[in-house]
Amino acid sequence: MTEPALAQTDTAASVARGIARLFARNDIWCIPEMPLRNGRRADLMGIDPKGQVIIVEIKVQRGDLLGDGKWPDYLDHCDRFYWGVPPGLDRAPLEGLDYQPDCCGIIVADGYDGEILRPAPLRPLAAARRKVEVERLARAAMRRTTVAYDPHCAPWGGGD
């Protein structure tokens, strides 16, 4: 991996860690790299105390943010959607109509903590869809926990 790519990965991991800490303090539990049924992969996906599904798409470079045309595909899989960005990233594009600021929140985070700059409005999933998403999250989390405990279980269960 090249140094710039490695630095970007470290920054994305730091942003994810800061958001996870922010969420944990608010009784929101998430897992990274959650595959969605539409073939996309959410950077962070979790459940809040009310059973609402939250997705966070992490962007650490302006070019990556501006080139992301797939993010609306996540909206059908969550009640709330956030952009997660590091403190130094120019957030101006997130105010443009292409990024639907009326339905997307913004979290700024580093490796130590995060702060919600713009809360994500609630866009409730249909009850049946929420049930499917919550069950998928639970199964993925349990599978990951089991494989962490016993790596020999990794080939079974079809992955997350």
C-alpha atoms as a PDB file:
ATOM      1  CA  MET A   1       0.000   0.000   0.000  1.00  0.00           C
ATOM      2  CA  THR A   2       1.390   3.448  -0.868  1.00  0.00           C
ATOM      3  CA  GLU A   3       2.010   5.989   1.881  1.00  0.00           C
ATOM      4  CA  PRO A   4      -0.866   8.314   0.833  1.00  0.00           C
ATOM      5  CA  ALA A   5      -3.240   5.331   0.671  1.00  0.00           C
ATOM      6  CA  LEU A   6      -2.012   4.122   4.045  1.00  0.00           C
ATOM      7  CA  ALA A   7      -2.474   7.603   5.548  1.00  0.00           C
ATOM      8  CA  GLN A   8      -6.003   7.755   4.111  1.00  0.00           C
ATOM      9  CA  THR A   9      -6.814   4.353   5.614  1.00  0.00           C
ATOM     10  CA  ASP A  10      -5.457   5.440   8.982  1.00  0.00           C
ATOM     11  CA  THR A  11      -7.545   8.620   8.821  1.00  0.00           C
ATOM     12  CA  ALA A  12     -10.714   6.710   7.873  1.00  0.00           C
ATOM     13  CA  ALA A  13     -10.090   4.264  10.716  1.00  0.00           C
ATOM     14  CA  SER A  14      -9.533   7.186  13.099  1.00  0.00           C
ATOM     15  CA  VAL A  15     -12.770   8.862  12.008  1.00  0.00           C
ATOM     16  CA  ALA A  16     -14.632   5.560  12.446  1.00  0.00           C
ATOM     17  CA  ARG A  17     -13.157   5.109  15.936  1.00  0.00           C
ATOM     18  CA  GLY A  18     -14.147   8.631  16.985  1.00  0.00           C
ATOM     19  CA  ILE A  19     -17.686   8.137  15.701  1.00  0.00           C
ATOM     20  CA  ALA A  20     -17.954   4.757  17.436  1.00  0.00           C
ATOM     21  CA  ARG A  21     -16.926   6.411  20.729  1.00  0.00           C
ATOM     22  CA  LEU A  22     -19.452   9.225  20.235  1.00  0.00           C
ATOM     23  CA  PHE A  23     -22.156   6.680  19.450  1.00  0.00           C
ATOM     24  CA  ALA A  24     -21.233   4.408  22.384  1.00  0.00           C
ATOM     25  CA  ARG A  25     -21.640   7.313  24.826  1.00  0.00           C
ATOM     26  CA  ASN A  26     -25.127   7.758  23.389  1.00  0.00           C
ATOM     27  CA  ASP A  27     -26.005   4.039  23.544  1.00  0.00           C
ATOM     28  CA  ILE A  28     -25.744   3.630  19.783  1.00  0.00           C
ATOM     29  CA  TRP A  29     -23.871   0.498  18.781  1.00  0.00           C
ATOM     30  CA  CYS A  30     -22.390   0.046  15.339  1.00  0.00           C
ATOM     31  CA  ILE A  31     -20.245  -2.253  13.281  1.00  0.00           C
ATOM     32  CA  PRO A  32     -17.884  -1.286  10.469  1.00  0.00           C
ATOM     33  CA  GLU A  33     -18.033  -2.408   6.848  1.00  0.00           C
ATOM     34  CA  MET A  34     -21.595  -3.723   6.863  1.00  0.00           C
ATOM     35  CA  PRO A  35     -22.683  -5.190   3.516  1.00  0.00           C
ATOM     36  CA  LEU A  36     -26.120  -4.059   2.353  1.00  0.00           C
ATOM     37  CA  ARG A  37     -28.580  -6.121   0.339  1.00  0.00           C
ATOM     38  CA  ASN A  38     -28.099  -3.840  -2.678  1.00  0.00           C
ATOM     39  CA  GLY A  39     -24.397  -4.744  -2.961  1.00  0.00           C
ATOM     40  CA  ARG A  40     -23.106  -1.577  -1.261  1.00  0.00           C
ATOM     41  CA  ARG A  41     -21.116  -1.585   1.956  1.00  0.00           C
ATOM     42  CA  ALA A  42     -21.836   0.894   4.756  1.00  0.00           C
ATOM     43  CA  ASP A  43     -18.712   2.252   6.473  1.00  0.00           C
ATOM     44  CA  LEU A  44     -20.556   2.157   9.813  1.00  0.00           C
ATOM     45  CA  MET A  45     -24.034   0.825  10.483  1.00  0.00           C
ATOM     46  CA  GLY A  46     -25.707   0.664  13.845  1.00  0.00           C
ATOM     47  CA  ILE A  47     -28.799   0.769  15.985  1.00  0.00           C
ATOM     48  CA  ASP A  48     -29.821   3.469  18.456  1.00  0.00           C
ATOM     49  CA  PRO A  49     -31.759   2.862  21.720  1.00  0.00           C
ATOM     50  CA  LYS A  50     -35.086   3.272  19.875  1.00  0.00           C
ATOM     51  CA  GLY A  51     -34.208   0.555  17.349  1.00  0.00           C
ATOM     52  CA  GLN A  52     -33.563   3.045  14.557  1.00  0.00           C
ATOM     53  CA  VAL A  53     -30.946   2.095  11.975  1.00  0.00           C
ATOM     54  CA  ILE A  54     -28.093   4.539  11.374  1.00  0.00           C
ATOM     55  CA  ILE A  55     -25.569   4.533   8.532  1.00  0.00           C
ATOM     56  CA  VAL A  56     -22.414   6.649   8.399  1.00  0.00           C
ATOM     57  CA  GLU A  57     -20.476   7.145   5.174  1.00  0.00           C
ATOM     58  CA  ILE A  58     -16.900   8.222   5.958  1.00  0.00           C
ATOM     59  CA  LYS A  59     -15.010  10.542   3.625  1.00  0.00           C
ATOM     60  CA  VAL A  60     -11.479  11.697   4.381  1.00  0.00           C
ATOM     61  CA  GLN A  61     -10.507  13.402   1.116  1.00  0.00           C
ATOM     62  CA  ARG A  62     -12.325  16.051  -0.879  1.00  0.00           C
ATOM     63  CA  GLY A  63     -11.907  14.146  -4.164  1.00  0.00           C
ATOM     64  CA  ASP A  64     -13.434  11.020  -2.635  1.00  0.00           C
ATOM     65  CA  LEU A  65     -16.372  13.046  -1.349  1.00  0.00           C
ATOM     66  CA  LEU A  66     -16.950  14.820  -4.656  1.00  0.00           C
ATOM     67  CA  GLY A  67     -16.657  11.592  -6.638  1.00  0.00           C
ATOM     68  CA  ASP A  68     -19.111   9.588  -4.546  1.00  0.00           C
ATOM     69  CA  GLY A  69     -22.290   9.102  -6.522  1.00  0.00           C
ATOM     70  CA  LYS A  70     -23.354   5.889  -4.781  1.00  0.00           C
ATOM     71  CA  TRP A  71     -24.258   7.301  -1.373  1.00  0.00           C
ATOM     72  CA  PRO A  72     -28.017   7.742  -2.088  1.00  0.00           C
ATOM     73  CA  ASP A  73     -28.156   3.930  -2.335  1.00  0.00           C
ATOM     74  CA  TYR A  74     -27.715   3.822   1.459  1.00  0.00           C
ATOM     75  CA  LEU A  75     -30.836   5.854   2.219  1.00  0.00           C
ATOM     76  CA  ASP A  76     -33.206   2.915   1.682  1.00  0.00           C
ATOM     77  CA  HIS A  77     -31.410   0.966   4.428  1.00  0.00           C
ATOM     78  CA  CYS A  78     -31.480   3.399   7.344  1.00  0.00           C
ATOM     79  CA  ASP A  79     -33.627   5.738   9.411  1.00  0.00           C
ATOM     80  CA  ARG A  80     -30.792   8.264   9.710  1.00  0.00           C
ATOM     81  CA  PHE A  81     -27.815   8.905   7.444  1.00  0.00           C
ATOM     82  CA  TYR A  82     -24.639  10.765   8.416  1.00  0.00           C
ATOM     83  CA  TRP A  83     -21.504  11.862   6.659  1.00  0.00           C
ATOM     84  CA  GLY A  84     -18.450  11.212   8.843  1.00  0.00           C
ATOM     85  CA  VAL A  85     -15.474  13.469   8.122  1.00  0.00           C
ATOM     86  CA  PRO A  86     -12.186  14.440   9.772  1.00  0.00           C
ATOM     87  CA  PRO A  87     -11.828  17.946  11.245  1.00  0.00           C
ATOM     88  CA  GLY A  88      -9.716  19.350   8.389  1.00  0.00           C
ATOM     89  CA  LEU A  89     -11.935  18.297   5.487  1.00  0.00           C
ATOM     90  CA  ASP A  90     -13.772  21.063   3.603  1.00  0.00           C
ATOM     91  CA  ARG A  91     -17.449  20.376   4.384  1.00  0.00           C
ATOM     92  CA  ALA A  92     -18.837  23.000   1.977  1.00  0.00           C
ATOM     93  CA  PRO A  93     -19.876  20.405  -0.647  1.00  0.00           C
ATOM     94  CA  LEU A  94     -22.115  18.751   1.958  1.00  0.00           C
ATOM     95  CA  GLU A  95     -24.255  21.894   1.983  1.00  0.00           C
ATOM     96  CA  GLY A  96     -24.984  21.620  -1.762  1.00  0.00           C
ATOM     97  CA  LEU A  97     -28.235  20.207  -3.107  1.00  0.00           C
ATOM     98  CA  ASP A  98     -26.433  17.183  -4.597  1.00  0.00           C
ATOM     99  CA  TYR A  99     -25.727  16.029  -1.026  1.00  0.00           C
ATOM    100  CA  GLN A 100     -29.316  16.498   0.189  1.00  0.00           C
ATOM    101  CA  PRO A 101     -28.516  18.380   3.403  1.00  0.00           C
ATOM    102  CA  ASP A 102     -32.183  18.161   4.368  1.00  0.00           C
ATOM    103  CA  CYS A 103     -31.842  14.393   4.918  1.00  0.00           C
ATOM    104  CA  CYS A 104     -28.162  13.932   5.867  1.00  0.00           C
ATOM    105  CA  GLY A 105     -26.375  14.702   9.095  1.00  0.00           C
ATOM    106  CA  ILE A 106     -22.687  15.524   9.546  1.00  0.00           C
ATOM    107  CA  ILE A 107     -20.302  14.150  12.177  1.00  0.00           C
ATOM    108  CA  VAL A 108     -16.755  15.446  12.541  1.00  0.00           C
ATOM    109  CA  ALA A 109     -14.446  12.984  14.249  1.00  0.00           C
ATOM    110  CA  ASP A 110     -10.844  12.081  14.873  1.00  0.00           C
ATOM    111  CA  GLY A 111      -9.311   9.073  16.583  1.00  0.00           C
ATOM    112  CA  TYR A 112     -10.413  10.226  20.018  1.00  0.00           C
ATOM    113  CA  ASP A 113     -13.938  11.540  19.715  1.00  0.00           C
ATOM    114  CA  GLY A 114     -16.639  12.868  17.449  1.00  0.00           C
ATOM    115  CA  GLU A 115     -19.203  15.647  17.384  1.00  0.00           C
ATOM    116  CA  ILE A 116     -22.494  15.882  15.546  1.00  0.00           C
ATOM    117  CA  LEU A 117     -22.433  19.168  13.643  1.00  0.00           C
ATOM    118  CA  ARG A 118     -25.750  18.598  11.919  1.00  0.00           C
ATOM    119  CA  PRO A 119     -28.198  16.022  13.266  1.00  0.00           C
ATOM    120  CA  ALA A 120     -29.560  13.602  10.694  1.00  0.00           C
ATOM    121  CA  PRO A 121     -33.303  13.976  10.346  1.00  0.00           C
ATOM    122  CA  LEU A 122     -35.399  10.898  10.922  1.00  0.00           C
ATOM    123  CA  ARG A 123     -36.572   9.272   7.686  1.00  0.00           C
ATOM    124  CA  PRO A 124     -38.389   6.239   9.107  1.00  0.00           C
ATOM    125  CA  LEU A 125     -37.971   2.916   7.399  1.00  0.00           C
ATOM    126  CA  ALA A 126     -41.054   0.776   6.896  1.00  0.00           C
ATOM    127  CA  ALA A 127     -41.420  -1.599   9.844  1.00  0.00           C
ATOM    128  CA  ALA A 128     -40.736  -4.679   7.709  1.00  0.00           C
ATOM    129  CA  ARG A 129     -37.575  -3.123   6.241  1.00  0.00           C
ATOM    130  CA  ARG A 130     -36.322  -2.077   9.694  1.00  0.00           C
ATOM    131  CA  LYS A 131     -36.878  -5.619  10.997  1.00  0.00           C
ATOM    132  CA  VAL A 132     -34.815  -7.056   8.134  1.00  0.00           C
ATOM    133  CA  GLU A 133     -31.987  -4.538   8.627  1.00  0.00           C
ATOM    134  CA  VAL A 134     -31.858  -5.002  12.417  1.00  0.00           C
ATOM    135  CA  GLU A 135     -31.778  -8.786  12.051  1.00  0.00           C
ATOM    136  CA  ARG A 136     -28.999  -8.562   9.443  1.00  0.00           C
ATOM    137  CA  LEU A 137     -26.983  -6.279  11.741  1.00  0.00           C
ATOM    138  CA  ALA A 138     -27.488  -8.592  14.717  1.00  0.00           C
ATOM    139  CA  ARG A 139     -26.450 -11.672  12.750  1.00  0.00           C
ATOM    140  CA  ALA A 140     -23.383  -9.926  11.325  1.00  0.00           C
ATOM    141  CA  ALA A 141     -22.319  -8.739  14.780  1.00  0.00           C
ATOM    142  CA  MET A 142     -22.827 -12.183  16.294  1.00  0.00           C
ATOM    143  CA  ARG A 143     -20.935 -13.874  13.461  1.00  0.00           C
ATOM    144  CA  ARG A 144     -18.030 -11.448  13.830  1.00  0.00           C
ATOM    145  CA  THR A 145     -17.968 -12.011  17.592  1.00  0.00           C
ATOM    146  CA  THR A 146     -18.026 -15.789  17.144  1.00  0.00           C
ATOM    147  CA  VAL A 147     -15.235 -15.731  14.538  1.00  0.00           C
ATOM    148  CA  ALA A 148     -13.140 -13.450  16.774  1.00  0.00           C
ATOM    149  CA  TYR A 149     -13.599 -15.977  19.577  1.00  0.00           C
ATOM    150  CA  ASP A 150     -13.047 -19.009  17.350  1.00  0.00           C
ATOM    151  CA  PRO A 151     -11.465 -18.324  13.913  1.00  0.00           C
ATOM    152  CA  HIS A 152     -12.219 -21.916  12.851  1.00  0.00           C
ATOM    153  CA  CYS A 153     -15.889 -20.865  12.496  1.00  0.00           C
ATOM    154  CA  ALA A 154     -15.019 -18.367   9.733  1.00  0.00           C
ATOM    155  CA  PRO A 155     -15.896 -20.662   6.797  1.00  0.00           C
ATOM    156  CA  TRP A 156     -19.431 -21.258   8.074  1.00  0.00           C
ATOM    157  CA  GLY A 157     -22.491 -19.065   7.922  1.00  0.00           C
ATOM    158  CA  GLY A 158     -21.940 -17.273   4.622  1.00  0.00           C
ATOM    159  CA  GLY A 159     -20.187 -14.164   5.961  1.00  0.00           C
ATOM    160  CA  ASP A 160     -21.838 -10.867   6.723  1.00  0.00           C
END
